Amino acid sequence: MNIAVYCSAKDAIPAEYLALGKALGTWIGNQGDTLVYGGATGGLMTQTSEAAKAAGARVIGVIPPRIIAAGRLAPHCDKLIQVANMSERKQQMRDLADVIICLPGSYGTLDEMLDATSSAIVGEHAKPLFVVNYKGFYEPLKQQLNQMRALNFIPQEECYKPIFVDNLDDLYTCIINLKKQKI
């Protein structure tokens, strides 16, 4: 299974978030899955991808030239796909993925998450998007979505929506169940 992971590229974040990325990467590798990620170094991106690779995962990086020029190209990708810009990066990662996971992050992570959601709403894909709400990181976003739903900006019955999970164990259970459904 190809698992795309959206996450922070910042190093100066609490160590427990870096450990979260490392744990997810290790699990992906132990499951024999492939990690699809942004192909860059830093923060959760480094932790997730290095741990996945160390645990035996195939690692596919998708990266635009501006990030390469900044000296942030990860050295451990089994396959590196260079794209023209960040928009193509999101598209390529989404196209390669069977499942999308969103860990804590910043603007880029939110952009990727919302892009995956809005593209699914218009029928471009039906891939599950799991948002890891570790220690309530995404609670304000959930509140905003509920506000939008309450005011009918988002339909009460959505045709597609992100699936929020509170921890990695819940995420693992969801992905294992998806794999069983496909057998």
N, C-alpha and C. Protein backbone atom coordinates (compact mmCIF):
# COMPACT_ATOMS: atom_id res chain seq x y z
N MET A 1 0.85 -1.18 0.00
CA MET A 1 0.00 0.00 0.00
C MET A 1 0.90 1.24 0.00
N ASN A 2 0.57 2.21 -0.80
CA ASN A 2 1.27 3.49 -0.81
C ASN A 2 0.59 4.44 0.17
N ILE A 3 1.35 4.88 1.15
CA ILE A 3 0.82 5.76 2.19
C ILE A 3 1.50 7.12 2.07
N ALA A 4 0.72 8.13 1.69
CA ALA A 4 1.24 9.50 1.63
C ALA A 4 1.11 10.12 3.01
N VAL A 5 2.17 10.80 3.43
CA VAL A 5 2.17 11.47 4.73
C VAL A 5 2.46 12.94 4.53
N TYR A 6 1.55 13.77 5.03
CA TYR A 6 1.73 15.22 5.07
C TYR A 6 2.12 15.57 6.50
N CYS A 7 3.16 16.40 6.66
CA CYS A 7 3.60 16.72 8.01
C CYS A 7 4.58 17.89 8.02
N SER A 8 4.95 18.30 9.19
CA SER A 8 5.86 19.43 9.40
C SER A 8 7.28 19.12 8.94
N ALA A 9 7.92 20.16 8.41
CA ALA A 9 9.34 20.06 8.05
C ALA A 9 10.20 20.89 9.01
N LYS A 10 9.62 21.29 10.13
CA LYS A 10 10.34 22.11 11.10
C LYS A 10 11.04 21.24 12.13
N ASP A 11 12.30 21.57 12.41
CA ASP A 11 13.05 20.84 13.43
C ASP A 11 12.76 21.34 14.84
N ALA A 12 12.49 22.63 14.98
CA ALA A 12 12.34 23.24 16.30
C ALA A 12 10.91 23.09 16.83
N ILE A 13 10.46 21.85 16.90
CA ILE A 13 9.15 21.55 17.47
C ILE A 13 9.36 20.59 18.63
N PRO A 14 8.37 20.41 19.50
CA PRO A 14 8.55 19.52 20.64
C PRO A 14 8.95 18.10 20.20
N ALA A 15 9.85 17.50 20.97
CA ALA A 15 10.40 16.18 20.66
C ALA A 15 9.32 15.11 20.53
N GLU A 16 8.23 15.23 21.26
CA GLU A 16 7.19 14.22 21.20
C GLU A 16 6.55 14.15 19.81
N TYR A 17 6.51 15.28 19.09
CA TYR A 17 5.97 15.28 17.73
C TYR A 17 6.95 14.61 16.77
N LEU A 18 8.24 14.85 16.98
CA LEU A 18 9.25 14.17 16.17
C LEU A 18 9.16 12.66 16.39
N ALA A 19 8.94 12.26 17.63
CA ALA A 19 8.79 10.83 17.95
C ALA A 19 7.55 10.24 17.29
N LEU A 20 6.51 11.03 17.17
CA LEU A 20 5.28 10.59 16.49
C LEU A 20 5.58 10.24 15.04
N GLY A 21 6.33 11.10 14.36
CA GLY A 21 6.71 10.83 12.98
C GLY A 21 7.57 9.59 12.86
N LYS A 22 8.50 9.43 13.77
CA LYS A 22 9.38 8.26 13.76
C LYS A 22 8.57 6.98 13.96
N ALA A 23 7.64 7.02 14.90
CA ALA A 23 6.81 5.84 15.17
C ALA A 23 5.97 5.47 13.94
N LEU A 24 5.40 6.47 13.28
CA LEU A 24 4.60 6.20 12.09
C LEU A 24 5.47 5.62 10.98
N GLY A 25 6.64 6.20 10.77
CA GLY A 25 7.53 5.69 9.73
C GLY A 25 7.94 4.25 10.00
N THR A 26 8.26 3.94 11.23
CA THR A 26 8.63 2.57 11.60
C THR A 26 7.48 1.62 11.31
N TRP A 27 6.26 2.02 11.67
CA TRP A 27 5.09 1.17 11.43
C TRP A 27 4.88 0.94 9.94
N ILE A 28 5.02 1.98 9.14
CA ILE A 28 4.85 1.84 7.69
C ILE A 28 5.84 0.82 7.15
N GLY A 29 7.10 0.92 7.57
CA GLY A 29 8.11 -0.03 7.14
C GLY A 29 7.82 -1.44 7.62
N ASN A 30 7.43 -1.59 8.87
CA ASN A 30 7.12 -2.91 9.42
C ASN A 30 5.94 -3.57 8.73
N GLN A 31 5.04 -2.76 8.19
CA GLN A 31 3.87 -3.29 7.48
C GLN A 31 4.20 -3.68 6.04
N GLY A 32 5.40 -3.32 5.59
CA GLY A 32 5.77 -3.60 4.20
C GLY A 32 5.16 -2.62 3.21
N ASP A 33 4.77 -1.46 3.70
CA ASP A 33 4.14 -0.46 2.85
C ASP A 33 5.18 0.50 2.28
N THR A 34 4.74 1.36 1.37
CA THR A 34 5.59 2.37 0.75
C THR A 34 5.19 3.73 1.29
N LEU A 35 6.18 4.53 1.67
CA LEU A 35 5.95 5.90 2.10
C LEU A 35 6.07 6.82 0.90
N VAL A 36 5.07 7.67 0.71
CA VAL A 36 5.10 8.74 -0.27
C VAL A 36 5.10 10.03 0.53
N TYR A 37 6.13 10.86 0.32
CA TYR A 37 6.20 12.11 1.09
C TYR A 37 6.91 13.16 0.27
N GLY A 38 7.11 14.33 0.84
CA GLY A 38 7.63 15.48 0.12
C GLY A 38 9.08 15.45 -0.28
N GLY A 39 9.83 14.42 0.05
CA GLY A 39 11.19 14.26 -0.42
C GLY A 39 12.22 15.20 0.18
N ALA A 40 11.83 15.93 1.21
CA ALA A 40 12.72 16.93 1.81
C ALA A 40 13.17 16.50 3.20
N THR A 41 14.12 17.28 3.72
CA THR A 41 14.60 17.06 5.08
C THR A 41 13.92 18.04 6.03
N GLY A 42 13.96 17.69 7.29
CA GLY A 42 13.46 18.57 8.34
C GLY A 42 12.30 17.97 9.10
N GLY A 43 12.31 18.16 10.39
CA GLY A 43 11.20 17.84 11.27
C GLY A 43 10.61 16.46 11.12
N LEU A 44 9.30 16.43 11.08
CA LEU A 44 8.58 15.15 10.97
C LEU A 44 8.86 14.47 9.64
N MET A 45 9.18 15.25 8.61
CA MET A 45 9.49 14.65 7.31
C MET A 45 10.73 13.76 7.43
N THR A 46 11.77 14.27 8.06
CA THR A 46 12.99 13.47 8.25
C THR A 46 12.71 12.27 9.14
N GLN A 47 12.06 12.50 10.26
CA GLN A 47 11.81 11.41 11.22
C GLN A 47 10.99 10.30 10.59
N THR A 48 9.92 10.66 9.90
CA THR A 48 9.04 9.67 9.29
C THR A 48 9.75 8.90 8.18
N SER A 49 10.41 9.61 7.30
CA SER A 49 11.03 8.96 6.15
C SER A 49 12.24 8.12 6.53
N GLU A 50 13.08 8.61 7.42
CA GLU A 50 14.25 7.82 7.84
C GLU A 50 13.83 6.57 8.59
N ALA A 51 12.82 6.69 9.44
CA ALA A 51 12.33 5.52 10.19
C ALA A 51 11.68 4.52 9.25
N ALA A 52 10.92 5.00 8.28
CA ALA A 52 10.29 4.10 7.31
C ALA A 52 11.36 3.33 6.55
N LYS A 53 12.35 4.04 6.07
CA LYS A 53 13.43 3.41 5.31
C LYS A 53 14.17 2.39 6.17
N ALA A 54 14.50 2.76 7.40
CA ALA A 54 15.22 1.86 8.31
C ALA A 54 14.41 0.60 8.61
N ALA A 55 13.09 0.71 8.58
CA ALA A 55 12.22 -0.44 8.87
C ALA A 55 11.88 -1.23 7.61
N GLY A 56 12.47 -0.87 6.48
CA GLY A 56 12.29 -1.65 5.26
C GLY A 56 11.29 -1.12 4.26
N ALA A 57 10.74 0.05 4.48
CA ALA A 57 9.78 0.62 3.53
C ALA A 57 10.49 1.13 2.29
N ARG A 58 9.80 1.10 1.19
CA ARG A 58 10.23 1.82 0.00
C ARG A 58 9.80 3.26 0.24
N VAL A 59 10.68 4.21 -0.10
CA VAL A 59 10.40 5.63 0.14
C VAL A 59 10.41 6.37 -1.19
N ILE A 60 9.27 7.01 -1.48
CA ILE A 60 9.15 7.83 -2.69
C ILE A 60 9.03 9.28 -2.25
N GLY A 61 9.95 10.10 -2.77
CA GLY A 61 9.93 11.53 -2.49
C GLY A 61 9.44 12.30 -3.69
N VAL A 62 8.63 13.31 -3.44
CA VAL A 62 8.11 14.17 -4.50
C VAL A 62 8.51 15.60 -4.14
N ILE A 63 9.34 16.22 -4.99
CA ILE A 63 9.96 17.48 -4.57
C ILE A 63 10.11 18.46 -5.73
N PRO A 64 9.82 19.74 -5.47
CA PRO A 64 10.03 20.77 -6.49
C PRO A 64 11.46 21.33 -6.42
N PRO A 65 11.92 21.99 -7.49
CA PRO A 65 13.30 22.48 -7.55
C PRO A 65 13.66 23.52 -6.47
N ARG A 66 12.72 24.32 -6.05
CA ARG A 66 13.03 25.33 -5.03
C ARG A 66 13.49 24.69 -3.72
N ILE A 67 12.92 23.56 -3.38
CA ILE A 67 13.33 22.88 -2.14
C ILE A 67 14.69 22.22 -2.34
N ILE A 68 14.92 21.68 -3.52
CA ILE A 68 16.24 21.11 -3.82
C ILE A 68 17.30 22.21 -3.77
N ALA A 69 17.01 23.37 -4.38
CA ALA A 69 17.95 24.49 -4.39
C ALA A 69 18.26 25.01 -2.99
N ALA A 70 17.32 24.81 -2.07
CA ALA A 70 17.54 25.23 -0.68
C ALA A 70 18.39 24.22 0.09
N GLY A 71 18.83 23.16 -0.59
CA GLY A 71 19.67 22.16 0.05
C GLY A 71 18.93 21.21 0.96
N ARG A 72 17.65 20.98 0.68
CA ARG A 72 16.83 20.17 1.57
C ARG A 72 16.40 18.84 0.96
N LEU A 73 17.08 18.39 -0.07
CA LEU A 73 16.76 17.11 -0.70
C LEU A 73 17.16 15.96 0.22
N ALA A 74 16.23 15.09 0.53
CA ALA A 74 16.51 13.94 1.39
C ALA A 74 17.36 12.92 0.61
N PRO A 75 18.37 12.36 1.26
CA PRO A 75 19.29 11.46 0.55
C PRO A 75 18.83 10.00 0.49
N HIS A 76 17.74 9.66 1.15
CA HIS A 76 17.39 8.25 1.31
C HIS A 76 16.17 7.78 0.53
N CYS A 77 15.73 8.54 -0.45
CA CYS A 77 14.57 8.13 -1.25
C CYS A 77 14.97 7.02 -2.23
N ASP A 78 14.13 6.00 -2.31
CA ASP A 78 14.33 4.95 -3.32
C ASP A 78 13.97 5.47 -4.70
N LYS A 79 13.00 6.36 -4.73
CA LYS A 79 12.57 6.98 -5.98
C LYS A 79 12.31 8.44 -5.68
N LEU A 80 12.83 9.30 -6.52
CA LEU A 80 12.63 10.72 -6.36
C LEU A 80 11.94 11.26 -7.60
N ILE A 81 10.82 11.92 -7.40
CA ILE A 81 10.06 12.51 -8.50
C ILE A 81 10.18 14.02 -8.37
N GLN A 82 10.79 14.64 -9.37
CA GLN A 82 10.90 16.10 -9.37
C GLN A 82 9.71 16.68 -10.12
N VAL A 83 9.08 17.63 -9.49
CA VAL A 83 7.91 18.30 -10.07
C VAL A 83 8.21 19.79 -10.17
N ALA A 84 7.42 20.51 -10.95
CA ALA A 84 7.69 21.92 -11.20
C ALA A 84 7.43 22.83 -10.00
N ASN A 85 6.42 22.50 -9.20
CA ASN A 85 6.04 23.40 -8.12
C ASN A 85 5.24 22.65 -7.05
N MET A 86 4.84 23.39 -6.02
CA MET A 86 4.12 22.78 -4.90
C MET A 86 2.75 22.24 -5.31
N SER A 87 2.10 22.88 -6.26
CA SER A 87 0.80 22.38 -6.71
C SER A 87 0.95 21.01 -7.36
N GLU A 88 1.97 20.86 -8.20
CA GLU A 88 2.22 19.56 -8.82
C GLU A 88 2.64 18.52 -7.78
N ARG A 89 3.34 18.97 -6.76
CA ARG A 89 3.75 18.06 -5.69
C ARG A 89 2.52 17.45 -5.02
N LYS A 90 1.55 18.30 -4.66
CA LYS A 90 0.33 17.81 -4.01
C LYS A 90 -0.39 16.82 -4.92
N GLN A 91 -0.52 17.17 -6.19
CA GLN A 91 -1.20 16.31 -7.15
C GLN A 91 -0.50 14.96 -7.27
N GLN A 92 0.81 14.99 -7.43
CA GLN A 92 1.57 13.76 -7.61
C GLN A 92 1.49 12.86 -6.37
N MET A 93 1.63 13.46 -5.19
CA MET A 93 1.54 12.67 -3.96
C MET A 93 0.16 12.03 -3.84
N ARG A 94 -0.85 12.81 -4.13
CA ARG A 94 -2.23 12.30 -4.05
C ARG A 94 -2.46 11.19 -5.06
N ASP A 95 -1.93 11.36 -6.28
CA ASP A 95 -2.10 10.34 -7.31
C ASP A 95 -1.41 9.03 -6.93
N LEU A 96 -0.26 9.12 -6.31
CA LEU A 96 0.50 7.92 -5.93
C LEU A 96 -0.09 7.19 -4.73
N ALA A 97 -0.81 7.91 -3.89
CA ALA A 97 -1.28 7.36 -2.61
C ALA A 97 -2.49 6.46 -2.74
N ASP A 98 -2.52 5.45 -1.86
CA ASP A 98 -3.74 4.68 -1.63
C ASP A 98 -4.47 5.24 -0.42
N VAL A 99 -3.69 5.75 0.52
CA VAL A 99 -4.18 6.33 1.77
C VAL A 99 -3.36 7.58 2.05
N ILE A 100 -4.00 8.59 2.63
CA ILE A 100 -3.31 9.83 2.98
C ILE A 100 -3.39 10.02 4.49
N ILE A 101 -2.25 10.36 5.09
CA ILE A 101 -2.19 10.62 6.53
C ILE A 101 -1.66 12.03 6.73
N CYS A 102 -2.30 12.75 7.61
CA CYS A 102 -1.88 14.10 7.95
C CYS A 102 -1.46 14.12 9.42
N LEU A 103 -0.17 14.35 9.65
CA LEU A 103 0.35 14.54 11.00
C LEU A 103 0.33 16.03 11.31
N PRO A 104 0.66 16.43 12.53
CA PRO A 104 0.74 17.87 12.82
C PRO A 104 1.71 18.59 11.89
N GLY A 105 1.37 19.82 11.58
CA GLY A 105 2.20 20.62 10.69
C GLY A 105 1.73 22.06 10.66
N SER A 106 2.18 22.78 9.64
CA SER A 106 1.89 24.21 9.52
C SER A 106 1.09 24.48 8.26
N TYR A 107 1.33 25.61 7.62
CA TYR A 107 0.57 26.02 6.45
C TYR A 107 0.59 24.98 5.33
N GLY A 108 1.78 24.45 5.05
CA GLY A 108 1.88 23.47 3.97
C GLY A 108 1.06 22.23 4.24
N THR A 109 1.11 21.77 5.48
CA THR A 109 0.35 20.58 5.87
C THR A 109 -1.15 20.83 5.75
N LEU A 110 -1.59 21.99 6.24
CA LEU A 110 -3.01 22.34 6.11
C LEU A 110 -3.41 22.46 4.64
N ASP A 111 -2.54 23.06 3.83
CA ASP A 111 -2.82 23.20 2.41
C ASP A 111 -2.99 21.83 1.76
N GLU A 112 -2.09 20.90 2.08
CA GLU A 112 -2.19 19.56 1.51
C GLU A 112 -3.46 18.86 1.97
N MET A 113 -3.78 18.99 3.25
CA MET A 113 -4.98 18.35 3.79
C MET A 113 -6.25 18.90 3.13
N LEU A 114 -6.34 20.21 3.04
CA LEU A 114 -7.54 20.82 2.46
C LEU A 114 -7.62 20.57 0.96
N ASP A 115 -6.47 20.53 0.29
CA ASP A 115 -6.46 20.21 -1.14
C ASP A 115 -6.95 18.78 -1.38
N ALA A 116 -6.49 17.85 -0.56
CA ALA A 116 -6.95 16.46 -0.69
C ALA A 116 -8.45 16.36 -0.44
N THR A 117 -8.94 17.13 0.52
CA THR A 117 -10.37 17.11 0.84
C THR A 117 -11.19 17.73 -0.29
N SER A 118 -10.81 18.92 -0.72
CA SER A 118 -11.62 19.59 -1.75
C SER A 118 -11.57 18.84 -3.08
N SER A 119 -10.43 18.25 -3.42
CA SER A 119 -10.37 17.50 -4.68
C SER A 119 -11.22 16.23 -4.61
N ALA A 120 -11.33 15.64 -3.42
CA ALA A 120 -12.20 14.47 -3.26
C ALA A 120 -13.67 14.88 -3.36
N ILE A 121 -14.00 16.02 -2.81
CA ILE A 121 -15.39 16.48 -2.83
C ILE A 121 -15.89 16.64 -4.26
N VAL A 122 -15.02 17.08 -5.16
CA VAL A 122 -15.44 17.25 -6.56
C VAL A 122 -15.22 15.99 -7.39
N GLY A 123 -14.87 14.89 -6.72
CA GLY A 123 -14.80 13.61 -7.40
C GLY A 123 -13.48 13.22 -8.02
N GLU A 124 -12.40 13.93 -7.69
CA GLU A 124 -11.10 13.60 -8.28
C GLU A 124 -10.47 12.35 -7.67
N HIS A 125 -10.87 12.00 -6.47
CA HIS A 125 -10.38 10.78 -5.84
C HIS A 125 -11.33 10.41 -4.69
N ALA A 126 -11.14 9.19 -4.18
CA ALA A 126 -11.93 8.73 -3.03
C ALA A 126 -11.02 8.08 -1.99
N LYS A 127 -9.78 8.56 -1.93
CA LYS A 127 -8.79 7.97 -1.02
C LYS A 127 -9.02 8.47 0.40
N PRO A 128 -8.99 7.57 1.38
CA PRO A 128 -9.20 8.02 2.75
C PRO A 128 -8.09 8.97 3.21
N LEU A 129 -8.50 9.99 3.94
CA LEU A 129 -7.59 10.97 4.53
C LEU A 129 -7.74 10.90 6.04
N PHE A 130 -6.68 10.46 6.71
CA PHE A 130 -6.68 10.36 8.16
C PHE A 130 -5.87 11.51 8.74
N VAL A 131 -6.48 12.23 9.68
CA VAL A 131 -5.82 13.35 10.35
C VAL A 131 -5.54 12.92 11.78
N VAL A 132 -4.25 12.86 12.13
CA VAL A 132 -3.85 12.43 13.46
C VAL A 132 -3.92 13.64 14.39
N ASN A 133 -4.92 13.65 15.23
CA ASN A 133 -5.21 14.75 16.15
C ASN A 133 -4.46 14.52 17.47
N TYR A 134 -3.16 14.31 17.36
CA TYR A 134 -2.32 13.99 18.51
C TYR A 134 -2.39 15.09 19.57
N LYS A 135 -2.76 14.71 20.78
CA LYS A 135 -2.89 15.63 21.92
C LYS A 135 -3.75 16.85 21.58
N GLY A 136 -4.77 16.62 20.74
CA GLY A 136 -5.71 17.69 20.40
C GLY A 136 -5.16 18.74 19.45
N PHE A 137 -4.08 18.44 18.74
CA PHE A 137 -3.45 19.41 17.86
C PHE A 137 -4.44 20.04 16.89
N TYR A 138 -5.35 19.24 16.36
CA TYR A 138 -6.29 19.74 15.35
C TYR A 138 -7.67 20.08 15.92
N GLU A 139 -7.80 20.18 17.24
CA GLU A 139 -9.10 20.54 17.82
C GLU A 139 -9.63 21.88 17.30
N PRO A 140 -8.81 22.93 17.22
CA PRO A 140 -9.34 24.19 16.66
C PRO A 140 -9.85 24.04 15.23
N LEU A 141 -9.19 23.23 14.43
CA LEU A 141 -9.67 22.98 13.07
C LEU A 141 -11.00 22.24 13.10
N LYS A 142 -11.12 21.25 13.96
CA LYS A 142 -12.39 20.53 14.08
C LYS A 142 -13.51 21.48 14.49
N GLN A 143 -13.21 22.40 15.40
CA GLN A 143 -14.20 23.39 15.82
C GLN A 143 -14.60 24.28 14.64
N GLN A 144 -13.63 24.68 13.84
CA GLN A 144 -13.93 25.51 12.67
C GLN A 144 -14.81 24.75 11.68
N LEU A 145 -14.50 23.49 11.44
CA LEU A 145 -15.31 22.69 10.54
C LEU A 145 -16.74 22.54 11.07
N ASN A 146 -16.87 22.34 12.38
CA ASN A 146 -18.21 22.25 12.98
C ASN A 146 -18.98 23.56 12.83
N GLN A 147 -18.28 24.68 12.98
CA GLN A 147 -18.91 25.99 12.79
C GLN A 147 -19.38 26.15 11.34
N MET A 148 -18.54 25.75 10.40
CA MET A 148 -18.91 25.84 8.98
C MET A 148 -20.10 24.94 8.67
N ARG A 149 -20.14 23.76 9.30
CA ARG A 149 -21.25 22.83 9.12
C ARG A 149 -22.53 23.41 9.74
N ALA A 150 -22.41 24.00 10.94
CA ALA A 150 -23.58 24.56 11.63
C ALA A 150 -24.21 25.71 10.83
N LEU A 151 -23.40 26.43 10.09
CA LEU A 151 -23.90 27.55 9.29
C LEU A 151 -24.19 27.15 7.84
N ASN A 152 -24.16 25.84 7.58
CA ASN A 152 -24.47 25.27 6.27
C ASN A 152 -23.48 25.61 5.16
N PHE A 153 -22.26 26.03 5.53
CA PHE A 153 -21.22 26.19 4.52
C PHE A 153 -20.70 24.83 4.08
N ILE A 154 -20.75 23.87 4.99
CA ILE A 154 -20.45 22.47 4.70
C ILE A 154 -21.75 21.71 4.91
N PRO A 155 -22.13 20.84 3.97
CA PRO A 155 -23.37 20.07 4.15
C PRO A 155 -23.34 19.22 5.42
N GLN A 156 -24.49 19.02 6.00
CA GLN A 156 -24.58 18.17 7.18
C GLN A 156 -24.13 16.74 6.86
N GLU A 157 -24.52 16.26 5.71
CA GLU A 157 -24.10 14.93 5.24
C GLU A 157 -23.08 15.11 4.13
N GLU A 158 -21.83 14.99 4.48
CA GLU A 158 -20.77 15.21 3.51
C GLU A 158 -20.51 13.96 2.68
N CYS A 159 -20.20 14.17 1.40
CA CYS A 159 -19.88 13.04 0.53
C CYS A 159 -18.46 12.55 0.79
N TYR A 160 -17.63 13.39 1.37
CA TYR A 160 -16.24 13.03 1.69
C TYR A 160 -15.79 13.96 2.81
N LYS A 161 -15.07 13.42 3.76
CA LYS A 161 -14.49 14.27 4.80
C LYS A 161 -13.29 13.58 5.42
N PRO A 162 -12.39 14.38 5.98
CA PRO A 162 -11.24 13.79 6.68
C PRO A 162 -11.72 12.96 7.87
N ILE A 163 -10.96 11.92 8.17
CA ILE A 163 -11.26 11.07 9.31
C ILE A 163 -10.25 11.41 10.41
N PHE A 164 -10.72 11.99 11.48
CA PHE A 164 -9.85 12.38 12.59
C PHE A 164 -9.67 11.20 13.53
N VAL A 165 -8.41 10.92 13.87
CA VAL A 165 -8.08 9.90 14.86
C VAL A 165 -7.22 10.56 15.93
N ASP A 166 -7.33 10.07 17.15
CA ASP A 166 -6.64 10.73 18.26
C ASP A 166 -5.20 10.28 18.47
N ASN A 167 -4.85 9.11 17.93
CA ASN A 167 -3.50 8.60 18.17
C ASN A 167 -3.12 7.61 17.08
N LEU A 168 -1.87 7.19 17.11
CA LEU A 168 -1.38 6.27 16.08
C LEU A 168 -2.04 4.90 16.16
N ASP A 169 -2.33 4.42 17.37
CA ASP A 169 -2.98 3.11 17.47
C ASP A 169 -4.33 3.10 16.75
N ASP A 170 -5.10 4.16 16.91
CA ASP A 170 -6.38 4.26 16.21
C ASP A 170 -6.16 4.33 14.70
N LEU A 171 -5.13 5.05 14.28
CA LEU A 171 -4.79 5.13 12.86
C LEU A 171 -4.44 3.76 12.31
N TYR A 172 -3.58 3.04 13.03
CA TYR A 172 -3.15 1.71 12.58
C TYR A 172 -4.35 0.78 12.42
N THR A 173 -5.26 0.83 13.36
CA THR A 173 -6.46 0.00 13.29
C THR A 173 -7.26 0.32 12.03
N CYS A 174 -7.42 1.61 11.75
CA CYS A 174 -8.17 2.02 10.54
C CYS A 174 -7.51 1.52 9.27
N ILE A 175 -6.20 1.64 9.20
CA ILE A 175 -5.50 1.22 7.97
C ILE A 175 -5.51 -0.30 7.83
N ILE A 176 -5.33 -1.01 8.91
CA ILE A 176 -5.40 -2.47 8.85
C ILE A 176 -6.78 -2.92 8.39
N ASN A 177 -7.82 -2.26 8.88
CA ASN A 177 -9.19 -2.58 8.45
C ASN A 177 -9.39 -2.28 6.97
N LEU A 178 -8.81 -1.19 6.48
CA LEU A 178 -8.88 -0.89 5.05
C LEU A 178 -8.23 -2.00 4.22
N LYS A 179 -7.08 -2.46 4.67
CA LYS A 179 -6.37 -3.52 3.95
C LYS A 179 -7.22 -4.79 3.92
N LYS A 180 -7.88 -5.11 5.02
CA LYS A 180 -8.73 -6.30 5.07
C LYS A 180 -9.90 -6.18 4.09
N GLN A 181 -10.45 -4.98 3.95
CA GLN A 181 -11.58 -4.77 3.03
C GLN A 181 -11.16 -4.96 1.58
N LYS A 182 -9.89 -4.71 1.28
CA LYS A 182 -9.41 -4.82 -0.10
C LYS A 182 -8.99 -6.22 -0.48
N ILE A 183 -8.92 -7.12 0.51
CA ILE A 183 -8.50 -8.50 0.22
C ILE A 183 -9.64 -9.27 -0.40
